Amino acid sequence: MSAVRVRAAGAGDAAAVAALAAALNAEEANEGASRLTPAAVTRDFLGEHPAGLLLVAEAPDGTLIGYATAHMTYETHHAERGLYVGDLYVAPAHRRRGVGRALMAAAAAAGRARGAAHLWWTARSGNAAAHAFYRRLGGRGETVLAFACAEDRFRRLAAEGAARR
């Protein structure tokens, strides 16, 4: 793992990150194809007002072999800022070599530099390998049920909120 470099993504990384995200999408058997195109990576992570952090793991030959996305959050119970890791993906041929740990450590360092006092992330309930990995990082599992409101349902809810102003 020592030869793998973790760094902030740059303009030349958009296509490779989009391909890694498509691989994650396929592994998780998400409905439909990944919508994260190189243009979306550039717009949402590499532009003037990024949605969050985009870290990449680069092999010695320059190939991107993993990535992580994260954004700041806030935990009212502890009255502290945190960093939410949305995606963590390492290409299968490079797993169990410290790449995922290096990406999470880099995310923690980036969060701490921005005032975060904790990391938060989720994993699919059946992903036992990820659960074991996250416990080795020092994470503890919490029983939560995540909800998502997207596409037409999101637009309807947003319209309802706008109408109430």
C-alpha atoms as a PDB file:
ATOM      1  CA  MET A   1       0.000   0.000   0.000  1.00  0.00           C
ATOM      2  CA  SER A   2       2.876   2.391   0.626  1.00  0.00           C
ATOM      3  CA  ALA A   3       3.133   3.167  -3.080  1.00  0.00           C
ATOM      4  CA  VAL A   4      -0.529   4.184  -3.332  1.00  0.00           C
ATOM      5  CA  ARG A   5      -1.038   7.930  -3.140  1.00  0.00           C
ATOM      6  CA  VAL A   6      -4.252   9.471  -1.783  1.00  0.00           C
ATOM      7  CA  ARG A   7      -4.921  13.015  -2.923  1.00  0.00           C
ATOM      8  CA  ALA A   8      -7.672  15.463  -3.721  1.00  0.00           C
ATOM      9  CA  ALA A   9      -9.125  14.793  -7.155  1.00  0.00           C
ATOM     10  CA  GLY A  10      -8.118  17.067 -10.000  1.00  0.00           C
ATOM     11  CA  ALA A  11      -9.583  18.034 -13.357  1.00  0.00           C
ATOM     12  CA  GLY A  12      -7.974  15.086 -15.127  1.00  0.00           C
ATOM     13  CA  ASP A  13      -9.625  12.553 -12.801  1.00  0.00           C
ATOM     14  CA  ALA A  14     -13.278  13.026 -13.747  1.00  0.00           C
ATOM     15  CA  ALA A  15     -13.565  10.135 -16.233  1.00  0.00           C
ATOM     16  CA  ALA A  16     -11.796   7.645 -13.963  1.00  0.00           C
ATOM     17  CA  VAL A  17     -13.913   8.637 -10.947  1.00  0.00           C
ATOM     18  CA  ALA A  18     -17.091   8.272 -13.002  1.00  0.00           C
ATOM     19  CA  ALA A  19     -15.954   4.783 -14.056  1.00  0.00           C
ATOM     20  CA  LEU A  20     -15.200   3.803 -10.440  1.00  0.00           C
ATOM     21  CA  ALA A  21     -18.617   5.121  -9.364  1.00  0.00           C
ATOM     22  CA  ALA A  22     -20.245   3.033 -12.109  1.00  0.00           C
ATOM     23  CA  ALA A  23     -18.424  -0.029 -10.764  1.00  0.00           C
ATOM     24  CA  LEU A  24     -19.670   0.736  -7.231  1.00  0.00           C
ATOM     25  CA  ASN A  25     -23.194   1.156  -8.579  1.00  0.00           C
ATOM     26  CA  ALA A  26     -22.980  -2.208 -10.346  1.00  0.00           C
ATOM     27  CA  GLU A  27     -21.579  -3.987  -7.267  1.00  0.00           C
ATOM     28  CA  GLU A  28     -24.356  -2.624  -5.084  1.00  0.00           C
ATOM     29  CA  ALA A  29     -26.934  -3.647  -7.706  1.00  0.00           C
ATOM     30  CA  ASN A  30     -28.473  -0.192  -7.709  1.00  0.00           C
ATOM     31  CA  GLU A  31     -31.386   0.340 -10.061  1.00  0.00           C
ATOM     32  CA  GLY A  32     -30.287   1.671 -13.434  1.00  0.00           C
ATOM     33  CA  ALA A  33     -26.938   2.944 -14.572  1.00  0.00           C
ATOM     34  CA  SER A  34     -24.849   5.388 -12.571  1.00  0.00           C
ATOM     35  CA  ARG A  35     -25.649   8.981 -13.482  1.00  0.00           C
ATOM     36  CA  LEU A  36     -22.276  10.235 -12.286  1.00  0.00           C
ATOM     37  CA  THR A  37     -20.731  11.234 -15.597  1.00  0.00           C
ATOM     38  CA  PRO A  38     -17.345  12.924 -15.997  1.00  0.00           C
ATOM     39  CA  ALA A  39     -19.239  16.189 -16.525  1.00  0.00           C
ATOM     40  CA  ALA A  40     -21.138  15.668 -13.252  1.00  0.00           C
ATOM     41  CA  VAL A  41     -17.893  14.928 -11.387  1.00  0.00           C
ATOM     42  CA  THR A  42     -16.420  18.153 -12.742  1.00  0.00           C
ATOM     43  CA  ARG A  43     -19.538  20.207 -11.991  1.00  0.00           C
ATOM     44  CA  ASP A  44     -20.191  18.832  -8.504  1.00  0.00           C
ATOM     45  CA  PHE A  45     -16.722  18.182  -7.090  1.00  0.00           C
ATOM     46  CA  LEU A  46     -14.128  20.038  -9.121  1.00  0.00           C
ATOM     47  CA  GLY A  47     -15.878  23.313  -9.865  1.00  0.00           C
ATOM     48  CA  GLU A  48     -15.886  26.648  -8.091  1.00  0.00           C
ATOM     49  CA  HIS A  49     -18.458  25.563  -5.472  1.00  0.00           C
ATOM     50  CA  PRO A  50     -17.898  21.842  -4.820  1.00  0.00           C
ATOM     51  CA  ALA A  51     -20.637  19.781  -3.172  1.00  0.00           C
ATOM     52  CA  GLY A  52     -18.008  18.175  -0.980  1.00  0.00           C
ATOM     53  CA  LEU A  53     -14.642  16.487  -0.954  1.00  0.00           C
ATOM     54  CA  LEU A  54     -13.503  14.051  -3.606  1.00  0.00           C
ATOM     55  CA  LEU A  55     -10.423  12.036  -2.706  1.00  0.00           C
ATOM     56  CA  VAL A  56      -8.765   9.539  -5.024  1.00  0.00           C
ATOM     57  CA  ALA A  57      -6.317   6.682  -4.511  1.00  0.00           C
ATOM     58  CA  GLU A  58      -3.705   6.541  -7.235  1.00  0.00           C
ATOM     59  CA  ALA A  59      -1.509   3.526  -8.037  1.00  0.00           C
ATOM     60  CA  PRO A  60       2.186   4.078  -8.873  1.00  0.00           C
ATOM     61  CA  ASP A  61       1.382   3.920 -12.600  1.00  0.00           C
ATOM     62  CA  GLY A  62      -1.131   6.781 -12.233  1.00  0.00           C
ATOM     63  CA  THR A  63      -4.240   4.606 -12.437  1.00  0.00           C
ATOM     64  CA  LEU A  64      -7.020   5.583 -10.054  1.00  0.00           C
ATOM     65  CA  ILE A  65      -7.956   2.536  -7.997  1.00  0.00           C
ATOM     66  CA  GLY A  66     -10.363   4.044  -5.496  1.00  0.00           C
ATOM     67  CA  TYR A  67     -12.185   7.147  -4.375  1.00  0.00           C
ATOM     68  CA  ALA A  68     -14.154   8.646  -1.505  1.00  0.00           C
ATOM     69  CA  THR A  69     -16.701  11.441  -1.393  1.00  0.00           C
ATOM     70  CA  ALA A  70     -17.550  13.360   1.751  1.00  0.00           C
ATOM     71  CA  HIS A  71     -19.266  16.497   2.957  1.00  0.00           C
ATOM     72  CA  MET A  72     -19.572  18.379   6.216  1.00  0.00           C
ATOM     73  CA  THR A  73     -22.456  17.644   8.563  1.00  0.00           C
ATOM     74  CA  TYR A  74     -23.487  18.558  12.103  1.00  0.00           C
ATOM     75  CA  GLU A  75     -24.463  16.400  15.078  1.00  0.00           C
ATOM     76  CA  THR A  76     -26.765  18.327  17.413  1.00  0.00           C
ATOM     77  CA  HIS A  77     -26.564  15.743  20.211  1.00  0.00           C
ATOM     78  CA  HIS A  78     -22.837  16.374  20.559  1.00  0.00           C
ATOM     79  CA  ALA A  79     -22.933  19.966  19.294  1.00  0.00           C
ATOM     80  CA  GLU A  80     -20.111  19.316  16.867  1.00  0.00           C
ATOM     81  CA  ARG A  81     -19.268  19.287  13.205  1.00  0.00           C
ATOM     82  CA  GLY A  82     -18.566  16.055  11.439  1.00  0.00           C
ATOM     83  CA  LEU A  83     -17.771  14.669   8.028  1.00  0.00           C
ATOM     84  CA  TYR A  84     -20.173  12.328   6.249  1.00  0.00           C
ATOM     85  CA  VAL A  85     -18.492   9.870   3.880  1.00  0.00           C
ATOM     86  CA  GLY A  86     -20.975   9.217   1.091  1.00  0.00           C
ATOM     87  CA  ASP A  87     -18.979   6.873  -1.121  1.00  0.00           C
ATOM     88  CA  LEU A  88     -15.949   4.732  -0.427  1.00  0.00           C
ATOM     89  CA  TYR A  89     -14.875   2.461  -3.246  1.00  0.00           C
ATOM     90  CA  VAL A  90     -11.720   0.497  -3.997  1.00  0.00           C
ATOM     91  CA  ALA A  91     -11.403  -1.551  -7.185  1.00  0.00           C
ATOM     92  CA  PRO A  92     -11.656  -5.277  -6.340  1.00  0.00           C
ATOM     93  CA  ALA A  93      -8.080  -6.100  -7.408  1.00  0.00           C
ATOM     94  CA  HIS A  94      -6.741  -3.576  -4.876  1.00  0.00           C
ATOM     95  CA  ARG A  95      -8.827  -4.438  -1.819  1.00  0.00           C
ATOM     96  CA  ARG A  96      -7.374  -5.643   1.486  1.00  0.00           C
ATOM     97  CA  ARG A  97      -4.155  -3.721   0.834  1.00  0.00           C
ATOM     98  CA  GLY A  98      -4.808  -0.632   2.942  1.00  0.00           C
ATOM     99  CA  VAL A  99      -6.274   1.540   0.180  1.00  0.00           C
ATOM    100  CA  GLY A 100      -9.688   1.914   1.814  1.00  0.00           C
ATOM    101  CA  ARG A 101      -8.071   2.702   5.152  1.00  0.00           C
ATOM    102  CA  ALA A 102      -5.852   5.318   3.489  1.00  0.00           C
ATOM    103  CA  LEU A 103      -8.903   6.949   1.881  1.00  0.00           C
ATOM    104  CA  MET A 104     -10.809   7.001   5.191  1.00  0.00           C
ATOM    105  CA  ALA A 105      -7.781   8.374   7.049  1.00  0.00           C
ATOM    106  CA  ALA A 106      -7.407  11.104   4.422  1.00  0.00           C
ATOM    107  CA  ALA A 107     -11.112  11.917   4.774  1.00  0.00           C
ATOM    108  CA  ALA A 108     -10.711  12.123   8.565  1.00  0.00           C
ATOM    109  CA  ALA A 109      -7.715  14.436   8.191  1.00  0.00           C
ATOM    110  CA  ALA A 110      -9.567  16.653   5.706  1.00  0.00           C
ATOM    111  CA  GLY A 111     -12.569  16.771   8.013  1.00  0.00           C
ATOM    112  CA  ARG A 112     -10.459  17.605  11.040  1.00  0.00           C
ATOM    113  CA  ALA A 113      -8.806  20.429   9.097  1.00  0.00           C
ATOM    114  CA  ARG A 114     -12.332  21.807   8.511  1.00  0.00           C
ATOM    115  CA  GLY A 115     -13.340  21.521  12.170  1.00  0.00           C
ATOM    116  CA  ALA A 116     -14.927  18.049  12.164  1.00  0.00           C
ATOM    117  CA  ALA A 117     -14.789  15.977  15.334  1.00  0.00           C
ATOM    118  CA  HIS A 118     -16.201  12.742  13.895  1.00  0.00           C
ATOM    119  CA  LEU A 119     -16.862  10.740  10.739  1.00  0.00           C
ATOM    120  CA  TRP A 120     -20.214   9.283   9.815  1.00  0.00           C
ATOM    121  CA  TRP A 121     -20.971   6.789   7.049  1.00  0.00           C
ATOM    122  CA  THR A 122     -23.390   4.031   6.151  1.00  0.00           C
ATOM    123  CA  ALA A 123     -23.064   0.547   4.705  1.00  0.00           C
ATOM    124  CA  ARG A 124     -25.579  -1.818   3.207  1.00  0.00           C
ATOM    125  CA  SER A 125     -26.997  -4.143   5.862  1.00  0.00           C
ATOM    126  CA  GLY A 126     -25.756  -7.294   4.111  1.00  0.00           C
ATOM    127  CA  ASN A 127     -22.218  -6.073   3.412  1.00  0.00           C
ATOM    128  CA  ALA A 128     -20.421  -8.018   6.149  1.00  0.00           C
ATOM    129  CA  ALA A 129     -16.965  -7.349   4.681  1.00  0.00           C
ATOM    130  CA  ALA A 130     -17.561  -3.594   4.856  1.00  0.00           C
ATOM    131  CA  HIS A 131     -18.898  -3.877   8.401  1.00  0.00           C
ATOM    132  CA  ALA A 132     -15.764  -5.724   9.524  1.00  0.00           C
ATOM    133  CA  PHE A 133     -13.540  -3.176   7.769  1.00  0.00           C
ATOM    134  CA  TYR A 134     -15.326  -0.244   9.397  1.00  0.00           C
ATOM    135  CA  ARG A 135     -15.010  -1.857  12.824  1.00  0.00           C
ATOM    136  CA  ARG A 136     -11.251  -2.242  12.230  1.00  0.00           C
ATOM    137  CA  LEU A 137     -11.157   1.510  11.585  1.00  0.00           C
ATOM    138  CA  GLY A 138     -12.652   2.064  15.026  1.00  0.00           C
ATOM    139  CA  GLY A 139     -16.200   2.652  13.837  1.00  0.00           C
ATOM    140  CA  ARG A 140     -19.124   1.337  15.797  1.00  0.00           C
ATOM    141  CA  GLY A 141     -22.340   0.185  14.227  1.00  0.00           C
ATOM    142  CA  GLU A 142     -25.511   2.072  15.033  1.00  0.00           C
ATOM    143  CA  THR A 143     -28.963   0.818  14.207  1.00  0.00           C
ATOM    144  CA  VAL A 144     -30.554   3.330  11.866  1.00  0.00           C
ATOM    145  CA  LEU A 145     -32.895   3.119   8.939  1.00  0.00           C
ATOM    146  CA  ALA A 146     -31.897   5.471   6.146  1.00  0.00           C
ATOM    147  CA  PHE A 147     -34.571   7.084   4.003  1.00  0.00           C
ATOM    148  CA  ALA A 148     -34.244   8.749   0.623  1.00  0.00           C
ATOM    149  CA  CYS A 149     -36.667  11.016  -1.180  1.00  0.00           C
ATOM    150  CA  ALA A 150     -35.633  11.490  -4.805  1.00  0.00           C
ATOM    151  CA  GLU A 151     -36.759  12.394  -8.292  1.00  0.00           C
ATOM    152  CA  ASP A 152     -40.534  13.031  -8.573  1.00  0.00           C
ATOM    153  CA  ARG A 153     -41.134  12.526  -4.858  1.00  0.00           C
ATOM    154  CA  PHE A 154     -38.409  15.034  -4.020  1.00  0.00           C
ATOM    155  CA  ARG A 155     -39.753  17.566  -6.529  1.00  0.00           C
ATOM    156  CA  ARG A 156     -43.261  17.269  -5.045  1.00  0.00           C
ATOM    157  CA  LEU A 157     -41.976  17.700  -1.489  1.00  0.00           C
ATOM    158  CA  ALA A 158     -39.850  20.697  -2.502  1.00  0.00           C
ATOM    159  CA  ALA A 159     -42.812  22.273  -4.296  1.00  0.00           C
ATOM    160  CA  GLU A 160     -44.912  21.792  -1.169  1.00  0.00           C
ATOM    161  CA  GLY A 161     -42.266  23.542   0.899  1.00  0.00           C
ATOM    162  CA  ALA A 162     -41.963  26.407  -1.570  1.00  0.00           C
ATOM    163  CA  ALA A 163     -45.750  26.873  -1.582  1.00  0.00           C
ATOM    164  CA  ARG A 164     -45.757  27.279   2.205  1.00  0.00           C
ATOM    165  CA  ARG A 165     -43.383  30.227   2.187  1.00  0.00           C
END
